[in-house]
Structures are given as C-alpha cells and as structure tokens.
Amino acid sequence: MVPDEEGFLYPRVDTTSCIDCGRCEDVCPEQEHSAPRRPLQTLAAVCEDEALRLQSSSGGIFSLLAQAVLARGGVVFGARFDESWQVVIDHTETLEGLAAFRGSKYVQAAMGRAYADCAAFLKAGREVLFTGTPCQIAGLKAFLGCDYPRLTLVDVACVGVPSPGVWQDYLRSEVLKSAEDSTDGFPACVQEICFRDKSQGWKDSRFVLKTKGGGEQSMPRYKNPFFQALNTGLITRPGCYSCQLKSQGRSGSDLTLADCWGVEQLVPSSHLNDSRFQDDKGVSLVVVRSEKGASLLKDLPLVGLECNYEKALALNAGLRAGPHAAPHAGPRAGAPSKAREAFFHAYQADKTQVGSLLKKAVMPPLYQKILNKLRSL
C-alpha cells in the first residue's frame, strides 16, 4: 500500500513478483456488490455501564460486543492509533487491549496483516469479532471466500475516509503549537488524541489533543478544521463519493453501528421514559442485519428501544449511498468538488500550511458568521 499525491493509501503491484493470477481483482469488493438487505431489527441502544458509555463515542455497544467475544476466548479486530498516531486495523485477545479500539478515528486505516491474521484465527477455531468500515468488511468477506460460523462482522456508519497524509501533516502542525514544553519530538510528544471527547456532552463533543509537558488543545468538533473538512467531504478519498457498500447492508455485515442522532424522532415519546436516552451521554444506533448479529446482541447488558429504520437513514448520512451530502461534494453524483481540487493543489504546493488551508476552506469568514447570526435572530 503506497500513498498517492493526496496522501491516500492505494495498492501497488510488485511486477517482479506478480504471476498474473488475477486473484486480487477477483476478490475486489468493487467488482460485485452484495444485494440490498432489509434489517431484521433497528435499535436505539445504550450500555448499562455508564463509565463504559462515557469512554465510547456513542452508546458503548461496540465494547459490550467485544467483551462478550473476549470472555469466550475470542479475538477482536478494530481500529487503533499506532506509534505515529496513524490509524491501523489490529486485534486484541485481552480486555486491557480493548481500550485502544474505543472511540471513533476519522482517518483511512492501514489494513496491514489484519485479514491474514483473521483468517488464521478462524482456521484455528477461534471466535472472531471484526469491526471496520463497510468497504473493509466487504473486503474481508471477499478475501476469506467463505462464511465462518464463528466470525461476526460489524461495520460502522461512514461518511468517507480522510487522507492519512493530510492528517499526519495537520497533526504535526498542531503539535508544534501545543508542545512547546515537551522535550520529545513529533510524534513521540503526543500523549492523547480524541476525536469525540464527551466531557461536555455527546451532541457537542470535542476534538482533544494532549501533548507531554501539559500542552492541550480542546475545541468543539464543529470548530476544528480537520473535523469540518471530514464532515464536508473536503479531504475524503475520491472513491468514497460514490460508495454503495455503506447502504442497505451491502457490505455483508451482521451488525451496523452508528450514532443514534435524533433519537427523539426515531423512538415514540411514550418509550423515552428512560433518562439515559436523553442525558446527552451518547446513544448508539444498532442495525441488526443477520441472525448471527442478533444472537451476539442477545443478553448483553444494554437497554434497547425499537426505532424507525427509514427515519434513521434520513438522519445519518453515513448509512446512505451516493455522493457525500455536504458542501464539498460535487454537483454530479460521485464527483468531488472544485473546492476539493483547489485544496489539494495548494496542499501539495506547501504541506506545512495545511492547518491554515483547512481553516480557510471550511470555516466561514467573519462577515458570513455575522450574517448567519443575524439570520438566526
């Protein structure tokens, strides 16, 4: 996997070793999408363990699924930060190792040996929970080539993956601002990164960056330039604009997890008596795609309320196919915008200015903020 000029990872064939078997193309999930599937059940759900829920981006359901598999001697795959604070897919066999997989990480993840490791565990008779984006789940299914009864696949709602190259350069620029007291260089001086810190609430979660020596940057996610670039599609991988795998269960997952935005609209008011669905500490949307998924969900320590699937789709762009429903998606389906093209042109010219380039591209100027405020009065 080699980064392109925009910083995205793409496969490059070693022509000196290739035997032209065509296997890599045969298993590419873009060659043939799975048929749409109606969900068996759609739930708004919260973990009963409040501390665990607060450590999670939404309702803590991933942790419950993972704990159940680990308790039976299984293996859990998910996304974590590596030593350079890039995102990789890895596995854990312990509860202690699970902490690194909690929390959303909005960067294209490097797969590494995860597929091969997953296959090895399954062939050894181990139970496996594999979580990832819809394309990663579809890729694993194609790689394995058959169904394993002891494998449960969980995909997460996805609006598209940002560039690892942009992320690394942005992070480096932010660290230089906040790590003045640290004697460690980048990336060693970074102590903690949280894209969705809920210390001030789930709906107004914050981007938090902590460095050794006491430096800290904390801001609402909607004010963070990198997060806004993600939300508006400015730094999204080109293929994500026309992704079909995240829609209607086409990835082949057993469960889909997302934030249950607008839970008040999805669940009848008569069923919202439990304060945990309105305490702003996070609610998960759980879409059950298969009997295997339903079986794993059964008997977990959670509170779940039936909700309307169609309304959930309308409130979460990460569950819908088609172009990014945001300003930097182009007017033609599946096409990035000219603003995206302009950003990457400027970024490639001077990567040290990535912070200011992102801010300029996604943050409205002062006069626009004033106009927006006046219109809201």
Protein backbone atom coordinates (compact mmCIF):
# COMPACT_ATOMS: atom_id res chain seq x y z
CA MET A 1 0.00 0.00 0.00
CA VAL A 2 1.58 3.25 -1.19
CA PRO A 3 0.39 6.83 -0.57
CA ASP A 4 -0.56 8.90 -3.62
CA GLU A 5 -0.03 12.64 -4.01
CA GLU A 6 -3.09 13.32 -1.81
CA GLY A 7 -1.82 11.06 0.97
CA PHE A 8 -4.31 8.20 0.45
CA LEU A 9 -3.13 4.60 0.52
CA TYR A 10 -3.52 2.57 -2.69
CA PRO A 11 -2.27 -0.91 -3.64
CA ARG A 12 0.75 -1.09 -5.92
CA VAL A 13 1.56 -4.38 -7.61
CA ASP A 14 5.12 -5.67 -7.38
CA THR A 15 5.52 -6.58 -11.05
CA THR A 16 8.66 -8.61 -10.34
CA SER A 17 6.67 -10.99 -8.11
CA CYS A 18 3.22 -10.91 -9.77
CA ILE A 19 2.24 -14.16 -11.51
CA ASP A 20 -0.84 -12.64 -13.21
CA CYS A 21 -3.28 -14.94 -11.41
CA GLY A 22 -5.87 -12.15 -11.22
CA ARG A 23 -6.84 -13.10 -7.69
CA CYS A 24 -6.54 -9.53 -6.32
CA GLU A 25 -9.05 -8.32 -8.91
CA ASP A 26 -11.37 -11.30 -8.37
CA VAL A 27 -11.78 -10.51 -4.67
CA CYS A 28 -12.11 -6.73 -5.02
CA PRO A 29 -15.49 -5.83 -3.46
CA GLU A 30 -16.00 -3.10 -6.07
CA GLN A 31 -16.32 -5.76 -8.77
CA GLU A 32 -19.61 -7.03 -7.40
CA HIS A 33 -21.75 -5.57 -4.60
CA SER A 34 -23.89 -7.71 -2.32
CA ALA A 35 -27.64 -7.44 -2.75
CA PRO A 36 -29.51 -4.96 -0.52
CA ARG A 37 -30.88 -6.44 2.70
CA ARG A 38 -33.70 -5.24 4.89
CA PRO A 39 -32.65 -5.10 8.56
CA LEU A 40 -34.10 -7.63 10.95
CA GLN A 41 -34.26 -5.01 13.67
CA THR A 42 -33.20 -1.42 14.34
CA LEU A 43 -32.48 -0.27 17.88
CA ALA A 44 -31.55 2.85 19.78
CA ALA A 45 -29.29 1.40 22.48
CA VAL A 46 -27.18 2.39 25.47
CA CYS A 47 -24.73 0.38 27.56
CA GLU A 48 -25.88 -0.09 31.16
CA ASP A 49 -22.35 0.60 32.40
CA GLU A 50 -22.24 4.40 32.44
CA ALA A 51 -18.45 4.58 32.79
CA LEU A 52 -18.04 2.40 29.70
CA ARG A 53 -20.53 4.52 27.78
CA LEU A 54 -18.64 7.71 28.62
CA GLN A 55 -15.41 6.18 27.26
CA SER A 56 -17.14 5.49 23.94
CA SER A 57 -18.10 7.82 21.09
CA SER A 58 -21.80 6.97 21.31
CA GLY A 59 -23.64 4.36 23.41
CA GLY A 60 -20.85 1.88 24.19
CA ILE A 61 -22.29 -1.06 22.23
CA PHE A 62 -19.02 -1.98 20.50
CA SER A 63 -17.37 -2.52 23.88
CA LEU A 64 -20.18 -4.84 25.01
CA LEU A 65 -19.94 -6.92 21.84
CA ALA A 66 -16.16 -7.11 22.17
CA GLN A 67 -16.24 -8.04 25.85
CA ALA A 68 -18.66 -10.89 25.15
CA VAL A 69 -16.38 -12.34 22.45
CA LEU A 70 -13.24 -11.97 24.56
CA ALA A 71 -14.96 -13.65 27.52
CA ARG A 72 -15.41 -16.75 25.33
CA GLY A 73 -11.73 -16.81 24.38
CA GLY A 74 -12.24 -14.97 21.11
CA VAL A 75 -10.37 -12.26 19.24
CA VAL A 76 -11.49 -8.69 18.45
CA PHE A 77 -10.32 -6.64 15.46
CA GLY A 78 -10.73 -2.88 15.30
CA ALA A 79 -9.05 0.47 14.64
CA ARG A 80 -6.35 1.93 16.88
CA PHE A 81 -3.61 4.55 16.68
CA ASP A 82 -0.07 3.33 16.03
CA GLU A 83 3.15 4.90 17.33
CA SER A 84 2.95 7.64 14.68
CA TRP A 85 -0.73 8.37 15.51
CA GLN A 86 -1.85 6.96 12.20
CA VAL A 87 -4.82 4.58 12.23
CA VAL A 88 -4.30 0.85 11.72
CA ILE A 89 -6.51 -2.23 11.92
CA ASP A 90 -5.24 -4.57 14.62
CA HIS A 91 -6.52 -7.21 17.04
CA THR A 92 -6.61 -7.88 20.76
CA GLU A 93 -7.18 -11.01 22.82
CA THR A 94 -7.44 -9.18 26.17
CA LEU A 95 -9.81 -6.77 27.88
CA GLU A 96 -6.87 -4.48 28.63
CA GLY A 97 -6.10 -4.21 24.92
CA LEU A 98 -9.68 -3.24 24.12
CA ALA A 99 -9.31 0.36 25.33
CA ALA A 100 -7.22 1.29 22.27
CA PHE A 101 -10.09 0.35 19.96
CA ARG A 102 -12.72 2.52 21.65
CA GLY A 103 -13.64 5.86 20.14
CA SER A 104 -14.09 6.92 16.53
CA LYS A 105 -10.96 7.54 14.48
CA TYR A 106 -11.59 9.55 11.33
CA VAL A 107 -8.67 8.60 9.10
CA GLN A 108 -8.20 5.95 6.40
CA ALA A 109 -6.89 2.93 8.30
CA ALA A 110 -4.00 0.76 7.14
CA MET A 111 -5.07 -2.89 7.00
CA GLY A 112 -1.60 -4.42 7.29
CA ARG A 113 -1.85 -8.15 8.07
CA ALA A 114 -5.30 -7.95 9.67
CA TYR A 115 -7.09 -10.02 7.00
CA ALA A 116 -4.44 -12.76 7.07
CA ASP A 117 -4.41 -12.77 10.88
CA CYS A 118 -8.21 -13.01 10.95
CA ALA A 119 -8.14 -15.99 8.58
CA ALA A 120 -5.51 -17.71 10.74
CA PHE A 121 -7.57 -17.30 13.92
CA LEU A 122 -10.70 -18.64 12.20
CA LYS A 123 -8.88 -21.67 10.79
CA ALA A 124 -7.61 -22.36 14.32
CA GLY A 125 -11.24 -22.49 15.51
CA ARG A 126 -11.24 -19.15 17.36
CA GLU A 127 -14.28 -16.87 17.55
CA VAL A 128 -13.63 -13.50 15.87
CA LEU A 129 -15.38 -10.13 16.01
CA PHE A 130 -14.17 -7.95 13.13
CA THR A 131 -15.17 -4.28 13.06
CA GLY A 132 -14.43 -1.74 10.32
CA THR A 133 -15.85 0.48 7.63
CA PRO A 134 -18.27 -1.10 5.12
CA CYS A 135 -15.56 -1.41 2.45
CA GLN A 136 -13.21 -3.11 4.93
CA ILE A 137 -15.93 -5.60 5.87
CA ALA A 138 -16.76 -6.34 2.23
CA GLY A 139 -13.05 -6.71 1.52
CA LEU A 140 -12.63 -9.25 4.32
CA LYS A 141 -15.59 -11.32 3.13
CA ALA A 142 -14.15 -11.43 -0.39
CA PHE A 143 -10.69 -12.26 0.95
CA LEU A 144 -11.96 -15.17 3.05
CA GLY A 145 -14.10 -16.52 0.22
CA CYS A 146 -16.48 -18.41 2.51
CA ASP A 147 -18.61 -17.93 5.59
CA TYR A 148 -17.28 -18.82 9.03
CA PRO A 149 -19.91 -19.54 11.72
CA ARG A 150 -17.57 -18.16 14.39
CA LEU A 151 -16.99 -14.83 12.59
CA THR A 152 -19.20 -11.82 13.32
CA LEU A 153 -18.81 -8.77 11.09
CA VAL A 154 -19.66 -5.28 12.35
CA ASP A 155 -19.44 -2.21 10.16
CA VAL A 156 -19.67 1.39 11.31
CA ALA A 157 -21.50 4.28 9.68
CA CYS A 158 -19.09 6.04 7.34
CA VAL A 159 -19.24 9.40 5.56
CA GLY A 160 -15.91 8.73 3.83
CA VAL A 161 -12.32 8.42 5.00
CA PRO A 162 -9.94 11.43 5.17
CA SER A 163 -6.38 11.34 3.88
CA PRO A 164 -3.75 9.87 6.25
CA GLY A 165 -1.22 12.24 4.69
CA VAL A 166 -3.32 15.33 5.45
CA TRP A 167 -3.95 14.00 8.96
CA GLN A 168 -0.24 13.50 9.66
CA ASP A 169 0.69 16.97 8.41
CA TYR A 170 -2.21 18.61 10.25
CA LEU A 171 -1.33 16.80 13.48
CA ARG A 172 2.31 17.79 13.20
CA SER A 173 1.35 21.45 12.73
CA GLU A 174 -0.99 21.39 15.74
CA VAL A 175 1.58 19.67 17.95
CA LEU A 176 4.14 22.36 17.19
CA LYS A 177 1.68 24.88 18.64
CA SER A 178 0.93 22.99 21.87
CA ALA A 179 4.09 21.02 22.70
CA GLU A 180 6.48 23.86 23.49
CA ASP A 181 7.27 22.43 26.93
CA SER A 182 7.93 18.91 25.71
CA THR A 183 11.47 17.66 25.08
CA ASP A 184 10.17 14.87 22.83
CA GLY A 185 9.89 15.41 19.11
CA PHE A 186 6.90 14.59 16.94
CA PRO A 187 5.16 12.14 17.12
CA ALA A 188 6.59 10.98 20.47
CA CYS A 189 5.40 14.13 22.24
CA VAL A 190 1.72 13.31 21.58
CA GLN A 191 0.05 11.87 24.66
CA GLU A 192 -3.61 11.52 23.69
CA ILE A 193 -5.97 12.19 20.78
CA CYS A 194 -9.75 12.03 20.99
CA PHE A 195 -11.92 12.99 18.05
CA ARG A 196 -15.14 12.81 20.08
CA ASP A 197 -14.48 13.74 23.71
CA LYS A 198 -17.80 13.78 25.60
CA SER A 199 -16.74 15.68 28.72
CA GLN A 200 -19.16 18.46 27.72
CA GLY A 201 -21.78 16.23 26.14
CA TRP A 202 -22.31 13.81 23.26
CA LYS A 203 -24.06 16.23 20.92
CA ASP A 204 -21.36 18.88 21.42
CA SER A 205 -18.38 16.52 21.62
CA ARG A 206 -14.90 17.99 21.32
CA PHE A 207 -11.65 17.35 19.49
CA VAL A 208 -8.92 16.96 22.13
CA LEU A 209 -5.16 16.78 21.58
CA LYS A 210 -2.84 16.41 24.58
CA THR A 211 0.95 16.52 24.49
CA LYS A 212 3.58 15.56 27.02
CA GLY A 213 4.56 18.51 29.17
CA GLY A 214 0.96 19.60 29.75
CA GLY A 215 0.01 21.04 26.38
CA GLU A 216 -3.64 20.62 25.46
CA GLN A 217 -5.92 21.69 22.63
CA SER A 218 -9.65 21.24 23.16
CA MET A 219 -12.40 22.65 20.96
CA PRO A 220 -15.91 21.77 19.79
CA ARG A 221 -15.60 19.38 16.85
CA TYR A 222 -17.54 21.76 14.60
CA LYS A 223 -14.80 24.36 15.15
CA ASN A 224 -11.93 22.01 14.39
CA PRO A 225 -10.73 22.47 10.79
CA PHE A 226 -9.77 18.81 10.25
CA PHE A 227 -13.09 17.57 11.59
CA GLN A 228 -15.01 20.05 9.47
CA ALA A 229 -13.00 19.05 6.40
CA LEU A 230 -14.09 15.47 7.11
CA ASN A 231 -17.74 16.43 7.59
CA THR A 232 -17.90 18.50 4.42
CA GLY A 233 -16.06 15.96 2.26
CA LEU A 234 -13.13 18.26 1.52
CA ILE A 235 -10.47 15.63 2.28
CA THR A 236 -12.48 12.50 1.51
CA ARG A 237 -10.98 9.70 -0.60
CA PRO A 238 -12.37 10.05 -4.16
CA GLY A 239 -13.96 6.59 -4.24
CA CYS A 240 -16.00 7.40 -1.13
CA TYR A 241 -18.16 9.86 -3.06
CA SER A 242 -19.85 7.03 -4.97
CA CYS A 243 -19.62 4.26 -2.35
CA GLN A 244 -22.54 1.83 -2.44
CA LEU A 245 -21.26 -0.57 0.22
CA LYS A 246 -22.46 1.50 3.19
CA SER A 247 -26.09 1.34 2.03
CA GLN A 248 -28.73 -1.29 2.85
CA GLY A 249 -26.36 -3.88 4.24
CA ARG A 250 -24.41 -4.32 1.01
CA SER A 251 -21.15 -4.78 2.92
CA GLY A 252 -22.37 -8.14 4.17
CA SER A 253 -22.07 -7.21 7.84
CA ASP A 254 -24.04 -8.88 10.63
CA LEU A 255 -24.47 -5.63 12.58
CA THR A 256 -24.11 -1.94 11.77
CA LEU A 257 -23.23 0.59 14.48
CA ALA A 258 -23.77 4.36 14.31
CA ASP A 259 -24.62 7.36 16.43
CA CYS A 260 -28.35 7.50 17.05
CA TRP A 261 -28.75 11.14 16.05
CA GLY A 262 -32.27 12.46 16.55
CA VAL A 263 -33.27 9.66 18.90
CA GLU A 264 -36.29 11.75 19.92
CA GLN A 265 -37.59 11.45 16.34
CA LEU A 266 -36.84 7.75 15.98
CA VAL A 267 -38.47 6.40 19.13
CA PRO A 268 -42.08 7.08 20.21
CA SER A 269 -42.13 9.62 23.04
CA SER A 270 -44.04 7.15 25.22
CA HIS A 271 -40.96 4.87 25.10
CA LEU A 272 -38.43 7.53 26.06
CA ASN A 273 -39.06 7.35 29.79
CA ASP A 274 -35.54 6.07 30.44
CA SER A 275 -33.43 9.18 31.12
CA ARG A 276 -30.36 7.54 29.59
CA PHE A 277 -31.74 8.23 26.12
CA GLN A 278 -31.89 11.96 26.84
CA ASP A 279 -28.91 12.57 29.17
CA ASP A 280 -26.53 13.62 26.36
CA LYS A 281 -24.01 10.90 27.21
CA GLY A 282 -24.36 9.01 23.94
CA VAL A 283 -26.84 6.70 22.21
CA SER A 284 -25.94 4.05 19.63
CA LEU A 285 -27.96 3.08 16.60
CA VAL A 286 -27.75 -0.70 16.09
CA VAL A 287 -28.95 -2.17 12.80
CA VAL A 288 -29.29 -5.96 13.00
CA ARG A 289 -28.52 -7.47 9.58
CA SER A 290 -28.44 -11.22 10.32
CA GLU A 291 -29.44 -13.90 12.80
CA LYS A 292 -25.78 -14.18 13.78
CA GLY A 293 -25.78 -10.49 14.67
CA ALA A 294 -28.99 -10.86 16.64
CA SER A 295 -27.52 -13.80 18.54
CA LEU A 296 -24.42 -11.85 19.58
CA LEU A 297 -26.54 -8.89 20.68
CA LYS A 298 -28.81 -11.08 22.80
CA ASP A 299 -28.34 -10.95 26.57
CA LEU A 300 -25.83 -8.08 26.50
CA PRO A 301 -26.16 -5.60 29.40
CA LEU A 302 -27.81 -2.86 27.34
CA VAL A 303 -31.12 -1.05 27.07
CA GLY A 304 -32.54 -1.09 23.53
CA LEU A 305 -35.60 0.57 22.05
CA GLU A 306 -37.08 -0.27 18.64
CA CYS A 307 -36.82 2.63 16.24
CA ASN A 308 -37.76 3.54 12.67
CA TYR A 309 -35.11 2.45 10.16
CA GLU A 310 -36.16 4.83 7.35
CA LYS A 311 -36.04 7.81 9.69
CA ALA A 312 -32.63 6.69 10.96
CA LEU A 313 -31.32 6.66 7.39
CA ALA A 314 -32.58 10.19 6.84
CA LEU A 315 -30.75 11.43 9.95
CA ASN A 316 -27.38 9.73 9.34
CA ALA A 317 -25.53 10.30 6.05
CA GLY A 318 -23.08 7.56 6.98
CA LEU A 319 -25.77 4.95 6.32
CA ARG A 320 -26.77 6.17 2.87
CA ALA A 321 -25.21 5.51 -0.53
CA GLY A 322 -24.41 8.16 -3.10
CA PRO A 323 -22.29 11.31 -3.05
CA HIS A 324 -21.29 12.98 0.19
CA ALA A 325 -24.26 15.06 1.35
CA ALA A 326 -22.06 18.04 2.12
CA PRO A 327 -20.76 21.28 0.54
CA HIS A 328 -17.57 19.79 -0.90
CA ALA A 329 -19.29 17.02 -2.80
CA GLY A 330 -19.54 17.93 -6.43
CA PRO A 331 -22.81 18.64 -8.24
CA ARG A 332 -22.50 15.39 -10.21
CA ALA A 333 -23.12 12.12 -8.34
CA GLY A 334 -19.83 10.59 -7.28
CA ALA A 335 -17.77 13.68 -8.11
CA PRO A 336 -15.59 15.72 -5.75
CA SER A 337 -15.96 19.50 -5.95
CA LYS A 338 -13.67 22.16 -7.37
CA ALA A 339 -13.06 23.32 -3.79
CA ARG A 340 -11.57 19.92 -3.01
CA GLU A 341 -9.38 20.11 -6.10
CA ALA A 342 -8.21 23.59 -5.13
CA PHE A 343 -7.40 22.50 -1.56
CA PHE A 344 -5.26 19.54 -2.62
CA HIS A 345 -3.48 21.64 -5.25
CA ALA A 346 -2.49 24.16 -2.56
CA TYR A 347 -1.68 21.40 -0.06
CA GLN A 348 0.70 19.67 -2.45
CA ALA A 349 2.43 23.00 -3.09
CA ASP A 350 3.14 23.60 0.62
CA LYS A 351 2.16 20.90 3.13
CA THR A 352 3.43 22.97 6.06
CA GLN A 353 0.43 25.29 5.60
CA VAL A 354 -2.16 22.52 5.90
CA GLY A 355 -3.74 23.99 9.05
CA SER A 356 -4.42 27.40 7.53
CA LEU A 357 -5.52 25.81 4.23
CA LEU A 358 -8.09 23.65 6.02
CA LYS A 359 -9.35 26.57 8.07
CA LYS A 360 -9.68 28.77 5.01
CA ALA A 361 -11.55 26.07 3.10
CA VAL A 362 -14.10 25.06 5.75
CA MET A 363 -14.50 27.97 8.16
CA PRO A 364 -16.75 30.86 7.05
CA PRO A 365 -15.21 34.35 7.13
CA LEU A 366 -16.21 36.78 9.88
CA TYR A 367 -18.77 38.63 7.75
CA GLN A 368 -20.51 35.32 6.95
CA LYS A 369 -20.61 34.40 10.65
CA ILE A 370 -22.25 37.77 11.41
CA LEU A 371 -24.82 37.28 8.65
CA ASN A 372 -25.60 33.76 9.88
CA LYS A 373 -26.05 35.07 13.41
CA LEU A 374 -28.38 37.88 12.26
CA ARG A 375 -30.48 35.42 10.27
CA SER A 376 -30.93 33.21 13.32
CA LEU A 377 -32.28 36.08 15.47
